[in-house]
N, C-alpha and C. Protein backbone atom coordinates (compact mmCIF):
# COMPACT_ATOMS: atom_id res chain seq x y z
N MET A 1 100.70 87.65 132.75
CA MET A 1 99.85 87.59 131.58
C MET A 1 98.78 86.53 131.81
N SER A 2 97.53 86.91 131.57
CA SER A 2 96.46 85.95 131.76
C SER A 2 96.37 85.01 130.57
N ALA A 3 95.71 83.91 130.78
CA ALA A 3 95.54 82.93 129.70
C ALA A 3 94.74 83.54 128.54
N ALA A 4 93.75 84.37 128.86
CA ALA A 4 92.94 85.00 127.81
C ALA A 4 93.78 85.95 126.97
N HIS A 5 94.64 86.72 127.60
CA HIS A 5 95.52 87.64 126.87
C HIS A 5 96.43 86.84 125.95
N ASP A 6 97.02 85.81 126.50
CA ASP A 6 97.94 84.98 125.72
C ASP A 6 97.22 84.31 124.56
N HIS A 7 96.04 83.79 124.80
CA HIS A 7 95.26 83.10 123.77
C HIS A 7 94.90 84.06 122.62
N LEU A 8 94.39 85.23 122.98
CA LEU A 8 94.00 86.21 121.95
C LEU A 8 95.22 86.70 121.17
N ARG A 9 96.30 86.98 121.87
CA ARG A 9 97.53 87.44 121.21
C ARG A 9 98.03 86.37 120.23
N ARG A 10 98.00 85.12 120.64
CA ARG A 10 98.47 84.03 119.78
C ARG A 10 97.57 83.87 118.55
N LEU A 11 96.25 83.98 118.75
CA LEU A 11 95.32 83.85 117.62
C LEU A 11 95.49 84.97 116.61
N LEU A 12 95.71 86.18 117.09
CA LEU A 12 95.79 87.34 116.20
C LEU A 12 97.17 87.58 115.62
N PHE A 13 98.20 87.29 116.39
CA PHE A 13 99.54 87.69 115.97
C PHE A 13 100.54 86.54 115.88
N GLY A 14 100.16 85.37 116.36
CA GLY A 14 101.08 84.24 116.34
C GLY A 14 100.99 83.46 115.05
N PRO A 15 101.98 82.62 114.81
CA PRO A 15 101.90 81.78 113.61
C PRO A 15 100.78 80.76 113.77
N ALA A 16 99.94 80.69 112.79
CA ALA A 16 98.81 79.75 112.82
C ALA A 16 99.20 78.45 112.14
N ALA A 17 98.78 77.37 112.73
CA ALA A 17 98.99 76.08 112.10
C ALA A 17 98.11 75.99 110.87
N ALA A 18 98.62 75.42 109.81
CA ALA A 18 97.89 75.37 108.53
C ALA A 18 96.54 74.68 108.66
N ASP A 19 96.47 73.67 109.50
CA ASP A 19 95.22 72.91 109.61
C ASP A 19 94.40 73.30 110.84
N GLU A 20 94.83 74.31 111.57
CA GLU A 20 94.13 74.71 112.79
C GLU A 20 93.41 76.04 112.58
N LYS A 21 92.08 75.99 112.72
CA LYS A 21 91.27 77.20 112.57
C LYS A 21 90.62 77.48 113.91
N PRO A 22 90.66 78.73 114.33
CA PRO A 22 90.10 79.05 115.65
C PRO A 22 88.59 78.96 115.69
N HIS A 23 88.09 78.69 116.86
CA HIS A 23 86.65 78.67 117.09
C HIS A 23 86.22 80.05 117.55
N TRP A 24 85.14 80.56 116.97
CA TRP A 24 84.67 81.90 117.27
C TRP A 24 84.37 82.07 118.76
N ALA A 25 83.77 81.08 119.37
CA ALA A 25 83.42 81.18 120.80
C ALA A 25 84.68 81.39 121.65
N GLY A 26 85.77 80.75 121.30
CA GLY A 26 87.02 80.92 122.04
C GLY A 26 87.61 82.31 121.87
N ILE A 27 87.50 82.86 120.67
CA ILE A 27 88.01 84.20 120.41
C ILE A 27 87.18 85.23 121.19
N VAL A 28 85.87 85.11 121.11
CA VAL A 28 85.00 86.06 121.79
C VAL A 28 85.16 85.95 123.31
N GLY A 29 85.28 84.75 123.80
CA GLY A 29 85.48 84.57 125.24
C GLY A 29 86.76 85.23 125.72
N ALA A 30 87.84 85.03 124.98
CA ALA A 30 89.11 85.66 125.34
C ALA A 30 89.01 87.18 125.24
N LEU A 31 88.37 87.66 124.19
CA LEU A 31 88.23 89.11 124.00
C LEU A 31 87.43 89.73 125.15
N HIS A 32 86.33 89.11 125.55
CA HIS A 32 85.53 89.65 126.64
C HIS A 32 86.28 89.61 127.96
N THR A 33 87.08 88.59 128.18
CA THR A 33 87.89 88.52 129.39
C THR A 33 88.92 89.65 129.41
N VAL A 34 89.57 89.87 128.27
CA VAL A 34 90.55 90.95 128.16
C VAL A 34 89.87 92.30 128.37
N ALA A 35 88.72 92.50 127.74
CA ALA A 35 88.02 93.78 127.83
C ALA A 35 87.43 94.03 129.23
N ALA A 36 87.19 92.99 129.98
CA ALA A 36 86.63 93.14 131.33
C ALA A 36 87.70 93.49 132.35
N GLU A 37 88.96 93.30 132.01
CA GLU A 37 90.06 93.53 132.94
C GLU A 37 90.83 94.78 132.53
N ARG A 38 90.53 95.89 133.16
CA ARG A 38 91.24 97.12 132.82
C ARG A 38 92.62 97.07 133.46
N SER A 39 93.60 96.87 132.60
CA SER A 39 94.99 96.79 133.03
C SER A 39 95.87 97.30 131.90
N GLU A 40 97.12 97.53 132.19
CA GLU A 40 98.05 97.95 131.14
C GLU A 40 98.15 96.89 130.05
N GLU A 41 98.13 95.64 130.45
CA GLU A 41 98.22 94.55 129.47
C GLU A 41 96.99 94.52 128.57
N SER A 42 95.80 94.69 129.16
CA SER A 42 94.58 94.71 128.35
C SER A 42 94.57 95.90 127.41
N GLU A 43 94.94 97.09 127.92
CA GLU A 43 94.97 98.27 127.06
C GLU A 43 95.93 98.07 125.90
N ALA A 44 97.12 97.54 126.18
CA ALA A 44 98.11 97.33 125.12
C ALA A 44 97.60 96.34 124.07
N LEU A 45 96.96 95.27 124.52
CA LEU A 45 96.45 94.27 123.57
C LEU A 45 95.30 94.82 122.74
N LEU A 46 94.37 95.53 123.37
CA LEU A 46 93.26 96.10 122.61
C LEU A 46 93.74 97.16 121.63
N ARG A 47 94.72 97.96 122.04
CA ARG A 47 95.30 98.94 121.11
C ARG A 47 95.96 98.22 119.92
N SER A 48 96.63 97.12 120.20
CA SER A 48 97.29 96.40 119.10
C SER A 48 96.27 95.78 118.15
N VAL A 49 95.08 95.42 118.66
CA VAL A 49 94.00 94.95 117.78
C VAL A 49 93.66 96.05 116.77
N LEU A 50 93.67 97.31 117.24
CA LEU A 50 93.33 98.44 116.36
C LEU A 50 94.49 98.89 115.49
N THR A 51 95.70 98.83 116.00
CA THR A 51 96.82 99.44 115.27
C THR A 51 97.70 98.44 114.53
N ASP A 52 97.77 97.21 115.01
CA ASP A 52 98.73 96.26 114.44
C ASP A 52 98.11 95.08 113.69
N PHE A 53 96.91 94.67 114.08
CA PHE A 53 96.31 93.50 113.46
C PHE A 53 95.77 93.84 112.09
N ARG A 54 96.34 93.26 111.08
CA ARG A 54 95.91 93.47 109.69
C ARG A 54 95.50 92.16 109.03
N GLY A 55 95.45 91.13 109.82
CA GLY A 55 95.19 89.81 109.28
C GLY A 55 93.73 89.50 109.06
N HIS A 56 93.51 88.28 108.71
CA HIS A 56 92.16 87.75 108.45
C HIS A 56 92.00 86.53 109.34
N LEU A 57 90.88 86.43 110.00
CA LEU A 57 90.60 85.27 110.83
C LEU A 57 89.82 84.25 110.02
N GLU A 58 90.43 83.14 109.79
CA GLU A 58 89.73 82.06 109.12
C GLU A 58 89.23 81.11 110.20
N LEU A 59 87.94 81.17 110.44
CA LEU A 59 87.34 80.45 111.54
C LEU A 59 87.00 79.02 111.18
N GLU A 60 86.83 78.23 112.21
CA GLU A 60 86.35 76.86 112.05
C GLU A 60 85.01 76.95 111.31
N PRO A 61 84.90 76.33 110.12
CA PRO A 61 83.71 76.51 109.30
C PRO A 61 82.43 75.93 109.87
N SER A 62 82.53 74.99 110.75
CA SER A 62 81.32 74.35 111.28
C SER A 62 80.50 75.30 112.15
N GLU A 63 81.09 76.41 112.55
CA GLU A 63 80.38 77.34 113.44
C GLU A 63 79.54 78.36 112.69
N GLY A 64 79.71 78.48 111.39
CA GLY A 64 78.97 79.48 110.64
C GLY A 64 79.50 80.88 110.89
N LEU A 65 78.84 81.86 110.33
CA LEU A 65 79.27 83.24 110.51
C LEU A 65 78.87 83.71 111.90
N PRO A 66 79.79 84.37 112.60
CA PRO A 66 79.52 84.76 113.97
C PRO A 66 78.64 86.00 114.10
N HIS A 67 78.57 86.79 113.04
CA HIS A 67 77.91 88.09 113.15
C HIS A 67 77.77 88.65 111.74
N ALA A 68 76.95 89.65 111.57
CA ALA A 68 76.83 90.28 110.25
C ALA A 68 78.11 91.01 109.86
N MET A 69 78.88 91.41 110.84
CA MET A 69 80.14 92.10 110.63
C MET A 69 81.25 91.05 110.48
N PRO A 70 82.26 91.30 109.66
CA PRO A 70 83.38 90.35 109.60
C PRO A 70 84.00 90.19 110.99
N PRO A 71 84.50 89.00 111.29
CA PRO A 71 85.05 88.75 112.63
C PRO A 71 86.13 89.76 113.03
N GLU A 72 86.97 90.14 112.08
CA GLU A 72 88.05 91.09 112.39
C GLU A 72 87.47 92.44 112.82
N ASP A 73 86.42 92.88 112.13
CA ASP A 73 85.80 94.16 112.48
C ASP A 73 85.04 94.08 113.79
N LEU A 74 84.46 92.94 114.10
CA LEU A 74 83.79 92.80 115.38
C LEU A 74 84.80 92.90 116.52
N LEU A 75 85.96 92.28 116.35
CA LEU A 75 87.02 92.41 117.36
C LEU A 75 87.44 93.87 117.51
N ARG A 76 87.62 94.54 116.38
CA ARG A 76 88.02 95.95 116.42
C ARG A 76 86.94 96.81 117.08
N SER A 77 85.68 96.51 116.81
CA SER A 77 84.61 97.32 117.39
C SER A 77 84.58 97.18 118.92
N VAL A 78 84.81 95.98 119.42
CA VAL A 78 84.89 95.79 120.88
C VAL A 78 86.09 96.56 121.43
N ALA A 79 87.20 96.51 120.72
CA ALA A 79 88.39 97.26 121.16
C ALA A 79 88.10 98.76 121.18
N VAL A 80 87.47 99.28 120.14
CA VAL A 80 87.13 100.72 120.07
C VAL A 80 86.25 101.09 121.26
N GLN A 81 85.19 100.36 121.46
CA GLN A 81 84.23 100.70 122.51
C GLN A 81 84.85 100.60 123.90
N THR A 82 85.66 99.58 124.11
CA THR A 82 86.28 99.39 125.42
C THR A 82 87.30 100.49 125.71
N LEU A 83 88.19 100.76 124.76
CA LEU A 83 89.21 101.79 124.97
C LEU A 83 88.59 103.17 125.11
N ALA A 84 87.55 103.46 124.34
CA ALA A 84 86.87 104.76 124.46
C ALA A 84 86.24 104.90 125.84
N ALA A 85 85.66 103.85 126.35
CA ALA A 85 85.04 103.90 127.67
C ALA A 85 86.08 104.05 128.77
N TRP A 86 87.22 103.41 128.60
CA TRP A 86 88.26 103.47 129.62
C TRP A 86 88.94 104.84 129.68
N ASP A 87 89.35 105.34 128.52
CA ASP A 87 90.10 106.62 128.51
C ASP A 87 90.20 107.12 127.07
N LEU A 88 89.14 107.78 126.62
CA LEU A 88 89.09 108.24 125.23
C LEU A 88 90.26 109.14 124.85
N PRO A 89 90.62 110.15 125.63
CA PRO A 89 91.74 111.00 125.22
C PRO A 89 93.04 110.21 125.01
N ARG A 90 93.26 109.23 125.85
CA ARG A 90 94.50 108.44 125.75
C ARG A 90 94.51 107.54 124.50
N HIS A 91 93.34 107.08 124.06
CA HIS A 91 93.27 106.11 122.98
C HIS A 91 92.71 106.67 121.68
N ARG A 92 92.46 107.96 121.65
CA ARG A 92 91.90 108.61 120.46
C ARG A 92 92.73 108.31 119.21
N ASP A 93 94.05 108.34 119.34
CA ASP A 93 94.92 108.12 118.17
C ASP A 93 94.75 106.72 117.57
N ALA A 94 94.46 105.73 118.40
CA ALA A 94 94.27 104.37 117.90
C ALA A 94 92.88 104.19 117.28
N ILE A 95 91.91 104.94 117.77
CA ILE A 95 90.53 104.83 117.28
C ILE A 95 90.33 105.64 116.00
N LEU A 96 90.97 106.78 115.92
CA LEU A 96 90.75 107.73 114.83
C LEU A 96 90.85 107.13 113.42
N PRO A 97 91.83 106.30 113.10
CA PRO A 97 91.89 105.75 111.73
C PRO A 97 90.66 104.93 111.34
N HIS A 98 89.97 104.38 112.30
CA HIS A 98 88.79 103.56 112.02
C HIS A 98 87.54 104.42 111.88
N ALA A 99 87.64 105.71 112.19
CA ALA A 99 86.49 106.62 112.16
C ALA A 99 86.44 107.45 110.89
N ASP A 100 87.22 107.12 109.91
CA ASP A 100 87.25 107.85 108.65
C ASP A 100 85.83 107.97 108.07
N PRO A 101 85.38 109.20 107.79
CA PRO A 101 84.03 109.37 107.24
C PRO A 101 83.80 108.64 105.91
N ALA A 102 84.87 108.33 105.21
CA ALA A 102 84.73 107.60 103.95
C ALA A 102 84.35 106.14 104.19
N ARG A 103 84.54 105.66 105.41
CA ARG A 103 84.15 104.29 105.74
C ARG A 103 82.64 104.24 105.89
N ASN A 104 82.03 103.42 105.11
CA ASN A 104 80.59 103.27 105.18
C ASN A 104 80.29 101.85 105.66
N ASP A 105 80.76 101.56 106.86
CA ASP A 105 80.56 100.24 107.42
C ASP A 105 80.28 100.37 108.92
N PRO A 106 79.83 99.31 109.56
CA PRO A 106 79.50 99.40 110.99
C PRO A 106 80.68 99.81 111.86
N LEU A 107 81.88 99.32 111.57
CA LEU A 107 83.04 99.68 112.38
C LEU A 107 83.30 101.18 112.32
N GLY A 108 83.23 101.76 111.13
CA GLY A 108 83.42 103.20 111.00
C GLY A 108 82.40 103.97 111.80
N SER A 109 81.17 103.54 111.75
CA SER A 109 80.10 104.20 112.50
C SER A 109 80.33 104.09 114.01
N ILE A 110 80.75 102.93 114.47
CA ILE A 110 81.03 102.73 115.89
C ILE A 110 82.19 103.62 116.33
N ALA A 111 83.21 103.69 115.52
CA ALA A 111 84.38 104.51 115.87
C ALA A 111 84.00 105.99 115.89
N ARG A 112 83.22 106.44 114.94
CA ARG A 112 82.79 107.84 114.92
C ARG A 112 81.94 108.19 116.14
N ARG A 113 81.05 107.27 116.51
CA ARG A 113 80.23 107.49 117.72
C ARG A 113 81.11 107.53 118.97
N ALA A 114 82.09 106.65 119.05
CA ALA A 114 82.98 106.64 120.21
C ALA A 114 83.75 107.95 120.35
N LEU A 115 84.17 108.51 119.23
CA LEU A 115 84.94 109.76 119.26
C LEU A 115 84.05 110.97 119.54
N ALA A 116 82.76 110.84 119.28
CA ALA A 116 81.84 111.97 119.48
C ALA A 116 81.39 112.10 120.93
N VAL A 117 81.71 111.14 121.74
CA VAL A 117 81.26 111.15 123.14
C VAL A 117 81.85 112.34 123.87
C-alpha cells in the first residue's frame, strides 16, 4: 500500500481527530497519486470513493474553498473520470448512481458524460 493510498483512505474513512482538519492540497495530491497509478489497490480505493464514502470533508479553513464544486463531489468526479478511462464496463455500476438525470449538478453531468463514451 502506498503512502498516498493510506493517506486518502484515512482521510475519507478513518476516524478523524476532533481538532484536526485536512488540508485540501494534501487530499488532492494523494488523490492524483492514486489516480495516476492503475492498480487493483487504486481501483478499489476509487470505487470506494464512489460507493462507500458518504461523509463530509471539513477542510482547514485557512485554505478557502478549493473549487466551485464541494470537495466531496470533486473527489468523486476524479474517481468517475479515472475509472471510466481505465475500464468503463467494469466500473459502470459504481458510476451509474452518480449519473441520475435528476441530478442537476456538475458531478451528475460528469458521470453522464463518462457513461456516454
